[in-house]
């Protein structure tokens, strides 16, 4: 169960690294515009804001990876950063799109559940 928890936390971290790449580097490309359903004009105007958001996703991924690397001592770190992901996902679902709950918050909630059960 411990290994499964770490794998799930790792997947949440990888997901946030993917968000980082999308938001920081691909935002105004055809792929990025399609992923977020953006017009070329809006993508160009909001590129700096998206890059900032991508950086925050990178920090979330870094925190989750840090927690995993600390082993048992990283339990609180992992739970803290998963909680941040869940809160961000719920806020995004409430303010932008319900889809964000399923893409961001739900995987983190599952990771929290498995991590707590492995404890």
Protein backbone atom coordinates (compact mmCIF):
# COMPACT_ATOMS: atom_id res chain seq x y z
CA UNK A 1 0.00 0.00 0.00
CA UNK A 2 2.93 2.32 0.77
CA UNK A 3 4.33 1.84 -2.73
CA UNK A 4 0.92 2.46 -4.31
CA UNK A 5 0.58 5.70 -2.35
CA UNK A 6 3.97 6.88 -3.59
CA UNK A 7 3.10 5.94 -7.16
CA UNK A 8 -0.14 7.90 -6.97
CA UNK A 9 1.62 10.92 -5.44
CA UNK A 10 4.21 10.63 -8.21
CA UNK A 11 1.46 10.61 -10.84
CA UNK A 12 -0.06 13.76 -9.33
CA UNK A 13 3.41 15.35 -9.45
CA UNK A 14 3.84 14.34 -13.10
CA UNK A 15 0.42 15.76 -13.90
CA UNK A 16 1.49 19.09 -12.43
CA UNK A 17 4.75 19.04 -14.37
CA UNK A 18 2.60 18.52 -17.48
CA UNK A 19 0.50 21.55 -16.46
CA UNK A 20 3.74 23.52 -16.03
CA UNK A 21 4.82 22.70 -19.59
CA UNK A 22 1.38 23.47 -21.02
CA UNK A 23 1.05 26.79 -19.23
CA UNK A 24 4.64 28.05 -19.41
CA UNK A 25 5.76 26.85 -22.82
CA UNK A 26 2.79 25.69 -24.92
CA UNK A 27 0.08 28.18 -23.93
CA UNK A 28 -0.02 30.06 -27.23
CA UNK A 29 0.81 27.12 -29.49
CA UNK A 30 -1.91 25.21 -31.38
CA UNK A 31 -1.61 22.35 -28.85
CA UNK A 32 -1.93 24.65 -25.84
CA UNK A 33 -4.79 26.64 -27.35
CA UNK A 34 -6.65 23.41 -28.10
CA UNK A 35 -6.03 22.03 -24.59
CA UNK A 36 -7.54 25.13 -23.00
CA UNK A 37 -9.97 26.08 -25.80
CA UNK A 38 -8.32 29.48 -26.32
CA UNK A 39 -8.44 31.89 -29.20
CA UNK A 40 -5.05 32.97 -30.55
CA UNK A 41 -5.74 36.51 -29.34
CA UNK A 42 -6.61 35.49 -25.80
CA UNK A 43 -3.64 33.10 -25.63
CA UNK A 44 -1.27 35.90 -26.65
CA UNK A 45 -2.80 38.36 -24.17
CA UNK A 46 -2.75 35.93 -21.24
CA UNK A 47 0.58 34.23 -21.91
CA UNK A 48 2.38 35.88 -18.98
CA UNK A 49 -0.42 35.03 -16.55
CA UNK A 50 -0.44 31.43 -17.73
CA UNK A 51 3.33 31.17 -17.29
CA UNK A 52 2.94 32.39 -13.71
CA UNK A 53 0.27 29.78 -13.09
CA UNK A 54 2.52 27.12 -14.63
CA UNK A 55 5.30 28.07 -12.26
CA UNK A 56 2.99 27.49 -9.29
CA UNK A 57 2.13 24.06 -10.68
CA UNK A 58 5.85 23.35 -10.82
CA UNK A 59 6.18 24.26 -7.16
CA UNK A 60 3.36 21.83 -6.31
CA UNK A 61 5.13 19.08 -8.26
CA UNK A 62 8.44 19.88 -6.55
CA UNK A 63 6.82 19.67 -3.12
CA UNK A 64 5.24 16.31 -3.91
CA UNK A 65 8.54 14.94 -5.22
CA UNK A 66 10.30 16.29 -2.11
CA UNK A 67 7.77 14.47 0.09
CA UNK A 68 8.29 11.19 -1.74
CA UNK A 69 12.09 11.53 -1.59
CA UNK A 70 11.97 12.00 2.20
CA UNK A 71 10.33 8.60 2.67
CA UNK A 72 8.45 8.22 5.96
CA UNK A 73 9.80 11.57 7.13
CA UNK A 74 8.08 13.22 4.16
CA UNK A 75 4.57 12.16 5.16
CA UNK A 76 3.54 15.63 6.39
CA UNK A 77 5.17 17.32 3.39
CA UNK A 78 3.31 15.05 1.00
CA UNK A 79 -0.03 15.61 2.72
CA UNK A 80 0.52 19.38 2.76
CA UNK A 81 1.23 19.58 -0.97
CA UNK A 82 -1.59 17.16 -1.85
CA UNK A 83 -3.90 19.39 0.21
CA UNK A 84 -2.72 22.41 -1.77
CA UNK A 85 -3.48 20.55 -5.01
CA UNK A 86 -6.96 19.61 -3.76
CA UNK A 87 -7.76 23.17 -2.70
CA UNK A 88 -6.50 24.56 -6.01
CA UNK A 89 -8.53 21.96 -7.90
CA UNK A 90 -11.72 22.73 -6.00
CA UNK A 91 -11.22 26.47 -6.48
CA UNK A 92 -10.56 25.96 -10.19
CA UNK A 93 -13.67 23.83 -10.51
CA UNK A 94 -15.75 26.51 -8.81
CA UNK A 95 -14.35 29.44 -10.77
CA UNK A 96 -13.27 28.10 -14.18
CA UNK A 97 -14.53 24.62 -15.10
CA UNK A 98 -15.89 21.57 -13.30
CA UNK A 99 -13.47 19.50 -15.36
CA UNK A 100 -10.63 20.81 -13.16
CA UNK A 101 -12.05 18.92 -10.19
CA UNK A 102 -11.71 15.60 -12.02
CA UNK A 103 -8.32 16.36 -13.57
CA UNK A 104 -6.64 17.95 -10.55
CA UNK A 105 -8.49 17.55 -7.24
CA UNK A 106 -9.81 13.99 -7.55
CA UNK A 107 -6.45 12.32 -8.31
CA UNK A 108 -4.94 14.16 -5.32
CA UNK A 109 -7.85 13.06 -3.11
CA UNK A 110 -7.29 9.45 -4.14
CA UNK A 111 -3.57 9.81 -3.43
CA UNK A 112 -4.34 11.22 0.02
CA UNK A 113 -6.68 8.33 0.77
CA UNK A 114 -4.17 5.67 -0.23
CA UNK A 115 -1.32 7.49 1.53
CA UNK A 116 -3.31 7.66 4.75
CA UNK A 117 -4.33 3.99 4.50
CA UNK A 118 -0.66 3.01 4.05
CA UNK A 119 0.28 4.78 7.25
